[in-house]
Amino acid sequence: MPILHAQAQGQAKDAKGNDVQIPAPAALQINGPRLQVSVTLEQNALQTLAAQGKPVPVPKVGLALIDTGASHTCIDEQTAKELGLPVIDVGYMVSATHEKVPCNIYPMSMATPIATLNCPRAMGASLAGQGLVALIGRDVLQICVLHYNGLIGQYTIAL
């Protein structure tokens, strides 16, 4: 089982407007556990396109948030459109502030530093404003071991 262990990092502005590093526990609390990923079309769909001689989308690199509050893995809606991912269904997102919001469902693959995750039913969501291309939800986390150590600002995930 591949393991990723990470120390949170972050910056803030001091009273003079200069960038300063913030302590790892504060960075983890503010930003959450994030990791760099590469998102693209789901692997089976990619293979089908390649076999047909059609162009395959260039993966997009960005940050994903490990989100234990998300029941489904999500892809940024704009990123999905830029990649040309097909809408395969419509699902309903429920959040702390919204109930039954219709969302596009996309076949997505996400390469992390330790494994490639096939997410055949990723929900489209507006994530770019948070600096994210994806959320890793409980549909993926159900096959993982996650340790969140807020006291020292570190997390470990095993896939």
N, C-alpha and C. Protein backbone atom coordinates (compact mmCIF):
# COMPACT_ATOMS: atom_id res chain seq x y z
N MET A 1 0.85 -1.17 0.00
CA MET A 1 0.00 0.00 0.00
C MET A 1 0.90 1.24 0.00
N PRO A 2 0.91 2.03 -1.09
CA PRO A 2 1.73 3.24 -1.14
C PRO A 2 1.27 4.26 -0.10
N ILE A 3 2.24 4.99 0.46
CA ILE A 3 1.96 5.94 1.53
C ILE A 3 2.52 7.32 1.18
N LEU A 4 1.73 8.35 1.44
CA LEU A 4 2.17 9.74 1.30
C LEU A 4 2.08 10.39 2.67
N HIS A 5 3.18 10.96 3.13
CA HIS A 5 3.21 11.69 4.40
C HIS A 5 3.57 13.13 4.08
N ALA A 6 2.80 14.09 4.56
CA ALA A 6 3.02 15.50 4.19
C ALA A 6 2.93 16.42 5.40
N GLN A 7 3.72 17.46 5.35
CA GLN A 7 3.72 18.55 6.32
C GLN A 7 3.03 19.74 5.67
N ALA A 8 2.02 20.28 6.32
CA ALA A 8 1.31 21.43 5.76
C ALA A 8 2.21 22.66 5.77
N GLN A 9 2.04 23.49 4.75
CA GLN A 9 2.77 24.74 4.64
C GLN A 9 1.81 25.84 4.23
N GLY A 10 2.11 27.05 4.65
CA GLY A 10 1.27 28.16 4.26
C GLY A 10 1.93 29.49 4.55
N GLN A 11 1.39 30.53 3.94
CA GLN A 11 1.91 31.88 4.13
C GLN A 11 0.76 32.82 4.50
N ALA A 12 1.15 33.88 5.18
CA ALA A 12 0.21 34.96 5.52
C ALA A 12 0.98 36.26 5.41
N LYS A 13 0.29 37.36 5.53
CA LYS A 13 0.92 38.69 5.51
C LYS A 13 1.12 39.16 6.95
N ASP A 14 2.30 39.73 7.23
CA ASP A 14 2.51 40.33 8.55
C ASP A 14 1.96 41.76 8.54
N ALA A 15 2.14 42.48 9.65
CA ALA A 15 1.59 43.83 9.79
C ALA A 15 2.14 44.79 8.73
N LYS A 16 3.32 44.51 8.20
CA LYS A 16 3.93 45.37 7.18
C LYS A 16 3.59 44.92 5.76
N GLY A 17 2.79 43.86 5.64
CA GLY A 17 2.41 43.37 4.32
C GLY A 17 3.38 42.39 3.71
N ASN A 18 4.36 41.93 4.49
CA ASN A 18 5.35 40.97 4.00
C ASN A 18 4.82 39.55 4.16
N ASP A 19 5.18 38.67 3.21
CA ASP A 19 4.81 37.26 3.33
C ASP A 19 5.63 36.61 4.43
N VAL A 20 4.95 35.86 5.29
CA VAL A 20 5.62 35.11 6.35
C VAL A 20 5.04 33.70 6.39
N GLN A 21 5.90 32.75 6.74
CA GLN A 21 5.44 31.37 6.89
C GLN A 21 4.57 31.28 8.14
N ILE A 22 3.51 30.50 8.06
CA ILE A 22 2.70 30.27 9.25
C ILE A 22 3.00 28.87 9.76
N PRO A 23 2.79 28.64 11.04
CA PRO A 23 3.09 27.31 11.61
C PRO A 23 2.27 26.22 10.91
N ALA A 24 2.86 25.04 10.80
CA ALA A 24 2.23 23.92 10.11
C ALA A 24 0.83 23.60 10.65
N PRO A 25 0.60 23.58 11.97
CA PRO A 25 -0.77 23.30 12.43
C PRO A 25 -1.79 24.32 11.92
N ALA A 26 -1.41 25.59 11.88
CA ALA A 26 -2.32 26.62 11.36
C ALA A 26 -2.54 26.44 9.86
N ALA A 27 -1.48 26.10 9.13
CA ALA A 27 -1.60 25.90 7.68
C ALA A 27 -2.54 24.73 7.38
N LEU A 28 -2.43 23.65 8.15
CA LEU A 28 -3.30 22.50 7.93
C LEU A 28 -4.75 22.86 8.26
N GLN A 29 -4.95 23.62 9.33
CA GLN A 29 -6.31 24.01 9.71
C GLN A 29 -6.93 24.95 8.67
N ILE A 30 -6.16 25.86 8.13
CA ILE A 30 -6.67 26.84 7.15
C ILE A 30 -6.89 26.21 5.78
N ASN A 31 -5.91 25.45 5.30
CA ASN A 31 -5.96 24.93 3.94
C ASN A 31 -6.49 23.51 3.83
N GLY A 32 -6.42 22.74 4.90
CA GLY A 32 -6.78 21.33 4.84
C GLY A 32 -5.68 20.51 4.20
N PRO A 33 -5.85 19.19 4.20
CA PRO A 33 -4.83 18.33 3.57
C PRO A 33 -4.97 18.38 2.05
N ARG A 34 -3.99 18.97 1.40
CA ARG A 34 -3.98 19.12 -0.06
C ARG A 34 -2.79 18.40 -0.66
N LEU A 35 -2.97 17.90 -1.86
CA LEU A 35 -1.87 17.29 -2.57
C LEU A 35 -1.97 17.62 -4.05
N GLN A 36 -0.82 17.62 -4.70
CA GLN A 36 -0.80 17.91 -6.13
C GLN A 36 -1.29 16.67 -6.88
N VAL A 37 -2.16 16.91 -7.86
CA VAL A 37 -2.71 15.84 -8.68
C VAL A 37 -2.70 16.25 -10.14
N SER A 38 -2.98 15.29 -10.99
CA SER A 38 -3.16 15.52 -12.41
C SER A 38 -4.48 14.86 -12.78
N VAL A 39 -5.42 15.65 -13.31
CA VAL A 39 -6.74 15.10 -13.65
C VAL A 39 -6.90 15.01 -15.16
N THR A 40 -7.61 13.96 -15.58
CA THR A 40 -7.90 13.76 -16.99
C THR A 40 -9.12 12.85 -17.12
N LEU A 41 -9.40 12.43 -18.32
CA LEU A 41 -10.50 11.53 -18.59
C LEU A 41 -10.23 10.17 -17.94
N GLU A 42 -11.27 9.49 -17.52
CA GLU A 42 -11.17 8.17 -16.90
C GLU A 42 -10.42 7.22 -17.83
N GLN A 43 -9.63 6.31 -17.26
CA GLN A 43 -8.69 5.48 -18.01
C GLN A 43 -9.33 4.65 -19.12
N ASN A 44 -10.47 4.02 -18.87
CA ASN A 44 -11.12 3.21 -19.91
C ASN A 44 -11.54 4.08 -21.09
N ALA A 45 -12.09 5.25 -20.80
CA ALA A 45 -12.50 6.17 -21.86
C ALA A 45 -11.28 6.68 -22.64
N LEU A 46 -10.17 6.92 -21.94
CA LEU A 46 -8.93 7.35 -22.61
C LEU A 46 -8.46 6.27 -23.59
N GLN A 47 -8.49 5.01 -23.14
CA GLN A 47 -8.05 3.91 -23.99
C GLN A 47 -8.94 3.78 -25.22
N THR A 48 -10.24 4.00 -25.05
CA THR A 48 -11.17 3.93 -26.17
C THR A 48 -10.85 5.02 -27.19
N LEU A 49 -10.63 6.25 -26.71
CA LEU A 49 -10.27 7.35 -27.62
C LEU A 49 -8.98 7.04 -28.37
N ALA A 50 -7.97 6.58 -27.64
CA ALA A 50 -6.67 6.28 -28.26
C ALA A 50 -6.82 5.17 -29.31
N ALA A 51 -7.61 4.14 -29.00
CA ALA A 51 -7.81 3.03 -29.94
C ALA A 51 -8.52 3.50 -31.20
N GLN A 52 -9.36 4.53 -31.07
CA GLN A 52 -10.08 5.08 -32.22
C GLN A 52 -9.25 6.13 -32.96
N GLY A 53 -8.04 6.38 -32.47
CA GLY A 53 -7.17 7.37 -33.11
C GLY A 53 -7.60 8.80 -32.86
N LYS A 54 -8.44 9.01 -31.87
CA LYS A 54 -8.91 10.36 -31.55
C LYS A 54 -7.96 11.00 -30.54
N PRO A 55 -7.90 12.34 -30.54
CA PRO A 55 -7.01 13.01 -29.59
C PRO A 55 -7.50 12.82 -28.15
N VAL A 56 -6.54 12.67 -27.25
CA VAL A 56 -6.88 12.53 -25.83
C VAL A 56 -6.55 13.84 -25.12
N PRO A 57 -7.32 14.20 -24.10
CA PRO A 57 -7.07 15.46 -23.42
C PRO A 57 -5.74 15.47 -22.68
N VAL A 58 -5.09 16.63 -22.68
CA VAL A 58 -3.85 16.82 -21.92
C VAL A 58 -4.25 16.98 -20.45
N PRO A 59 -3.68 16.18 -19.54
CA PRO A 59 -4.06 16.28 -18.13
C PRO A 59 -3.81 17.68 -17.57
N LYS A 60 -4.61 18.05 -16.58
CA LYS A 60 -4.44 19.33 -15.90
C LYS A 60 -3.91 19.07 -14.50
N VAL A 61 -2.83 19.78 -14.17
CA VAL A 61 -2.19 19.64 -12.86
C VAL A 61 -2.71 20.72 -11.93
N GLY A 62 -2.98 20.35 -10.70
CA GLY A 62 -3.44 21.31 -9.71
C GLY A 62 -3.52 20.64 -8.35
N LEU A 63 -4.21 21.30 -7.41
CA LEU A 63 -4.33 20.80 -6.06
C LEU A 63 -5.68 20.12 -5.84
N ALA A 64 -5.65 19.04 -5.06
CA ALA A 64 -6.87 18.36 -4.63
C ALA A 64 -6.90 18.41 -3.11
N LEU A 65 -8.08 18.60 -2.57
CA LEU A 65 -8.30 18.60 -1.13
C LEU A 65 -8.85 17.25 -0.72
N ILE A 66 -8.24 16.63 0.28
CA ILE A 66 -8.80 15.42 0.88
C ILE A 66 -9.95 15.89 1.76
N ASP A 67 -11.17 15.51 1.39
CA ASP A 67 -12.36 16.08 2.02
C ASP A 67 -13.25 14.98 2.59
N THR A 68 -13.11 14.72 3.89
CA THR A 68 -13.91 13.68 4.53
C THR A 68 -15.39 14.08 4.62
N GLY A 69 -15.70 15.33 4.35
CA GLY A 69 -17.09 15.79 4.35
C GLY A 69 -17.78 15.59 3.02
N ALA A 70 -17.02 15.24 1.99
CA ALA A 70 -17.58 15.05 0.65
C ALA A 70 -17.87 13.57 0.43
N SER A 71 -19.11 13.23 0.18
CA SER A 71 -19.45 11.82 -0.07
C SER A 71 -18.91 11.35 -1.41
N HIS A 72 -18.76 12.28 -2.37
CA HIS A 72 -18.28 11.94 -3.72
C HIS A 72 -17.03 12.75 -4.06
N THR A 73 -16.17 12.15 -4.83
CA THR A 73 -15.04 12.87 -5.39
C THR A 73 -15.58 13.85 -6.42
N CYS A 74 -14.97 15.04 -6.47
CA CYS A 74 -15.44 16.10 -7.36
C CYS A 74 -14.30 16.60 -8.24
N ILE A 75 -14.66 17.11 -9.40
CA ILE A 75 -13.73 17.79 -10.28
C ILE A 75 -14.26 19.20 -10.49
N ASP A 76 -13.34 20.15 -10.59
CA ASP A 76 -13.76 21.52 -10.87
C ASP A 76 -14.51 21.54 -12.20
N GLU A 77 -15.68 22.14 -12.20
CA GLU A 77 -16.55 22.15 -13.39
C GLU A 77 -15.83 22.76 -14.60
N GLN A 78 -15.13 23.87 -14.40
CA GLN A 78 -14.43 24.51 -15.51
C GLN A 78 -13.31 23.63 -16.05
N THR A 79 -12.60 22.96 -15.15
CA THR A 79 -11.53 22.04 -15.55
C THR A 79 -12.11 20.90 -16.39
N ALA A 80 -13.25 20.35 -15.96
CA ALA A 80 -13.89 19.27 -16.72
C ALA A 80 -14.23 19.74 -18.13
N LYS A 81 -14.73 20.96 -18.25
CA LYS A 81 -15.08 21.50 -19.57
C LYS A 81 -13.83 21.72 -20.42
N GLU A 82 -12.76 22.27 -19.80
CA GLU A 82 -11.51 22.50 -20.54
C GLU A 82 -10.92 21.18 -21.05
N LEU A 83 -11.07 20.11 -20.27
CA LEU A 83 -10.56 18.81 -20.67
C LEU A 83 -11.48 18.12 -21.69
N GLY A 84 -12.67 18.65 -21.86
CA GLY A 84 -13.63 18.04 -22.78
C GLY A 84 -14.23 16.75 -22.24
N LEU A 85 -14.32 16.63 -20.92
CA LEU A 85 -14.89 15.42 -20.34
C LEU A 85 -16.38 15.35 -20.67
N PRO A 86 -16.86 14.18 -21.04
CA PRO A 86 -18.29 14.06 -21.35
C PRO A 86 -19.13 14.02 -20.08
N VAL A 87 -20.29 14.66 -20.13
CA VAL A 87 -21.26 14.55 -19.03
C VAL A 87 -21.97 13.21 -19.22
N ILE A 88 -21.85 12.32 -18.22
CA ILE A 88 -22.46 10.99 -18.35
C ILE A 88 -23.73 10.83 -17.52
N ASP A 89 -24.00 11.82 -16.66
CA ASP A 89 -25.18 11.74 -15.81
C ASP A 89 -25.31 13.07 -15.08
N VAL A 90 -26.39 13.22 -14.34
CA VAL A 90 -26.58 14.36 -13.45
C VAL A 90 -26.90 13.78 -12.08
N GLY A 91 -26.19 14.28 -11.07
CA GLY A 91 -26.43 13.86 -9.70
C GLY A 91 -26.83 15.06 -8.87
N TYR A 92 -27.10 14.83 -7.61
CA TYR A 92 -27.52 15.92 -6.73
C TYR A 92 -26.56 16.05 -5.56
N MET A 93 -26.04 17.27 -5.38
CA MET A 93 -25.12 17.55 -4.30
C MET A 93 -25.89 18.16 -3.14
N VAL A 94 -25.56 17.70 -1.96
CA VAL A 94 -26.12 18.25 -0.73
C VAL A 94 -24.95 18.78 0.08
N SER A 95 -25.07 19.99 0.61
CA SER A 95 -24.01 20.56 1.43
C SER A 95 -24.61 21.18 2.68
N ALA A 96 -23.76 21.78 3.49
CA ALA A 96 -24.24 22.42 4.70
C ALA A 96 -25.19 23.58 4.40
N THR A 97 -25.07 24.16 3.21
CA THR A 97 -25.90 25.33 2.89
C THR A 97 -26.87 25.12 1.75
N HIS A 98 -26.78 23.98 1.06
CA HIS A 98 -27.66 23.73 -0.09
C HIS A 98 -28.19 22.31 -0.06
N GLU A 99 -29.39 22.15 -0.61
CA GLU A 99 -30.00 20.83 -0.67
C GLU A 99 -30.37 20.50 -2.11
N LYS A 100 -29.93 19.33 -2.56
CA LYS A 100 -30.27 18.82 -3.90
C LYS A 100 -29.94 19.79 -5.03
N VAL A 101 -28.68 20.15 -5.15
CA VAL A 101 -28.22 20.99 -6.25
C VAL A 101 -27.79 20.06 -7.39
N PRO A 102 -28.39 20.20 -8.59
CA PRO A 102 -28.00 19.32 -9.70
C PRO A 102 -26.56 19.59 -10.14
N CYS A 103 -25.80 18.52 -10.34
CA CYS A 103 -24.40 18.61 -10.76
C CYS A 103 -24.13 17.60 -11.86
N ASN A 104 -23.31 18.00 -12.82
CA ASN A 104 -22.88 17.08 -13.87
C ASN A 104 -21.99 16.00 -13.26
N ILE A 105 -22.06 14.81 -13.84
CA ILE A 105 -21.20 13.69 -13.45
C ILE A 105 -20.26 13.41 -14.62
N TYR A 106 -18.96 13.29 -14.30
CA TYR A 106 -17.93 13.10 -15.31
C TYR A 106 -17.10 11.85 -15.01
N PRO A 107 -16.62 11.15 -16.06
CA PRO A 107 -15.66 10.07 -15.85
C PRO A 107 -14.25 10.68 -15.76
N MET A 108 -13.62 10.55 -14.61
CA MET A 108 -12.33 11.22 -14.36
C MET A 108 -11.30 10.24 -13.83
N SER A 109 -10.07 10.51 -14.13
CA SER A 109 -8.93 9.82 -13.55
C SER A 109 -8.06 10.87 -12.88
N MET A 110 -7.52 10.53 -11.71
CA MET A 110 -6.70 11.49 -10.97
C MET A 110 -5.40 10.81 -10.55
N ALA A 111 -4.29 11.31 -11.07
CA ALA A 111 -2.98 10.79 -10.68
C ALA A 111 -2.49 11.59 -9.47
N THR A 112 -2.20 10.87 -8.38
CA THR A 112 -1.64 11.48 -7.17
C THR A 112 -0.16 11.11 -7.11
N PRO A 113 0.58 11.66 -6.16
CA PRO A 113 2.00 11.27 -6.06
C PRO A 113 2.22 9.79 -5.76
N ILE A 114 1.18 9.08 -5.27
CA ILE A 114 1.40 7.68 -4.89
C ILE A 114 0.55 6.67 -5.66
N ALA A 115 -0.49 7.12 -6.34
CA ALA A 115 -1.34 6.18 -7.08
C ALA A 115 -2.24 6.95 -8.04
N THR A 116 -2.72 6.25 -9.05
CA THR A 116 -3.73 6.82 -9.95
C THR A 116 -5.08 6.30 -9.52
N LEU A 117 -6.01 7.21 -9.35
CA LEU A 117 -7.35 6.88 -8.88
C LEU A 117 -8.33 6.99 -10.04
N ASN A 118 -9.06 5.93 -10.29
CA ASN A 118 -10.10 5.95 -11.31
C ASN A 118 -11.39 6.39 -10.64
N CYS A 119 -11.95 7.47 -11.09
CA CYS A 119 -13.17 8.04 -10.51
C CYS A 119 -14.22 8.12 -11.61
N PRO A 120 -14.92 7.02 -11.89
CA PRO A 120 -15.84 7.00 -13.03
C PRO A 120 -17.08 7.88 -12.87
N ARG A 121 -17.34 8.39 -11.64
CA ARG A 121 -18.53 9.23 -11.42
C ARG A 121 -18.18 10.43 -10.56
N ALA A 122 -17.26 11.26 -11.02
CA ALA A 122 -16.87 12.47 -10.28
C ALA A 122 -17.90 13.57 -10.52
N MET A 123 -18.30 14.24 -9.45
CA MET A 123 -19.28 15.33 -9.56
C MET A 123 -18.58 16.62 -9.96
N GLY A 124 -19.21 17.38 -10.82
CA GLY A 124 -18.70 18.69 -11.17
C GLY A 124 -19.07 19.68 -10.06
N ALA A 125 -18.10 20.50 -9.67
CA ALA A 125 -18.34 21.50 -8.62
C ALA A 125 -17.47 22.72 -8.89
N SER A 126 -17.86 23.84 -8.37
CA SER A 126 -17.09 25.08 -8.53
C SER A 126 -15.98 25.11 -7.48
N LEU A 127 -14.78 24.71 -7.90
CA LEU A 127 -13.66 24.56 -6.97
C LEU A 127 -12.50 25.53 -7.23
N ALA A 128 -12.44 26.11 -8.42
CA ALA A 128 -11.30 26.95 -8.81
C ALA A 128 -11.11 28.12 -7.85
N GLY A 129 -12.19 28.68 -7.33
CA GLY A 129 -12.09 29.80 -6.40
C GLY A 129 -11.34 29.46 -5.12
N GLN A 130 -11.26 28.15 -4.82
CA GLN A 130 -10.52 27.69 -3.65
C GLN A 130 -9.12 27.22 -4.04
N GLY A 131 -8.76 27.43 -5.31
CA GLY A 131 -7.45 27.00 -5.78
C GLY A 131 -7.35 25.49 -5.98
N LEU A 132 -8.48 24.84 -6.26
CA LEU A 132 -8.51 23.38 -6.38
C LEU A 132 -8.97 22.94 -7.76
N VAL A 133 -8.47 21.79 -8.21
CA VAL A 133 -9.00 21.14 -9.41
C VAL A 133 -9.88 19.95 -9.03
N ALA A 134 -9.76 19.47 -7.77
CA ALA A 134 -10.54 18.30 -7.37
C ALA A 134 -10.67 18.23 -5.85
N LEU A 135 -11.68 17.48 -5.42
CA LEU A 135 -11.85 17.06 -4.03
C LEU A 135 -11.78 15.54 -4.02
N ILE A 136 -11.07 14.98 -3.08
CA ILE A 136 -11.04 13.53 -2.92
C ILE A 136 -12.05 13.20 -1.83
N GLY A 137 -13.16 12.59 -2.24
CA GLY A 137 -14.26 12.32 -1.34
C GLY A 137 -14.24 10.92 -0.75
N ARG A 138 -15.28 10.64 0.04
CA ARG A 138 -15.35 9.36 0.76
C ARG A 138 -15.50 8.17 -0.17
N ASP A 139 -15.97 8.37 -1.42
CA ASP A 139 -16.04 7.24 -2.35
C ASP A 139 -14.65 6.70 -2.64
N VAL A 140 -13.63 7.54 -2.61
CA VAL A 140 -12.24 7.10 -2.77
C VAL A 140 -11.63 6.80 -1.40
N LEU A 141 -11.91 7.62 -0.41
CA LEU A 141 -11.32 7.44 0.92
C LEU A 141 -11.72 6.12 1.56
N GLN A 142 -12.81 5.50 1.10
CA GLN A 142 -13.23 4.23 1.68
C GLN A 142 -12.19 3.13 1.45
N ILE A 143 -11.28 3.32 0.50
CA ILE A 143 -10.23 2.33 0.26
C ILE A 143 -8.88 2.81 0.77
N CYS A 144 -8.87 3.86 1.58
CA CYS A 144 -7.64 4.48 2.08
C CYS A 144 -7.54 4.40 3.59
N VAL A 145 -6.33 4.67 4.06
CA VAL A 145 -6.10 4.93 5.48
C VAL A 145 -5.62 6.37 5.54
N LEU A 146 -6.30 7.18 6.36
CA LEU A 146 -5.97 8.59 6.48
C LEU A 146 -5.70 8.90 7.94
N HIS A 147 -4.55 9.53 8.19
CA HIS A 147 -4.22 9.98 9.54
C HIS A 147 -3.99 11.49 9.47
N TYR A 148 -4.78 12.23 10.22
CA TYR A 148 -4.72 13.70 10.25
C TYR A 148 -4.19 14.09 11.62
N ASN A 149 -2.99 14.67 11.68
CA ASN A 149 -2.38 15.07 12.95
C ASN A 149 -2.34 16.59 13.01
N GLY A 150 -3.43 17.17 13.48
CA GLY A 150 -3.52 18.62 13.57
C GLY A 150 -2.54 19.24 14.53
N LEU A 151 -2.14 18.51 15.55
CA LEU A 151 -1.21 19.04 16.56
C LEU A 151 0.13 19.44 15.97
N ILE A 152 0.58 18.68 14.95
CA ILE A 152 1.88 19.00 14.35
C ILE A 152 1.76 19.42 12.89
N GLY A 153 0.51 19.49 12.39
CA GLY A 153 0.30 19.97 11.01
C GLY A 153 0.72 19.00 9.95
N GLN A 154 0.48 17.72 10.18
CA GLN A 154 0.86 16.69 9.21
C GLN A 154 -0.32 15.77 8.93
N TYR A 155 -0.28 15.15 7.75
CA TYR A 155 -1.24 14.11 7.43
C TYR A 155 -0.54 13.00 6.66
N THR A 156 -1.11 11.82 6.74
CA THR A 156 -0.59 10.65 6.04
C THR A 156 -1.78 9.96 5.38
N ILE A 157 -1.61 9.60 4.11
CA ILE A 157 -2.64 8.84 3.42
C ILE A 157 -1.99 7.65 2.74
N ALA A 158 -2.63 6.50 2.89
CA ALA A 158 -2.19 5.28 2.23
C ALA A 158 -3.31 4.82 1.32
N LEU A 159 -2.95 4.53 0.07
CA LEU A 159 -3.93 4.08 -0.93
C LEU A 159 -3.69 2.62 -1.28
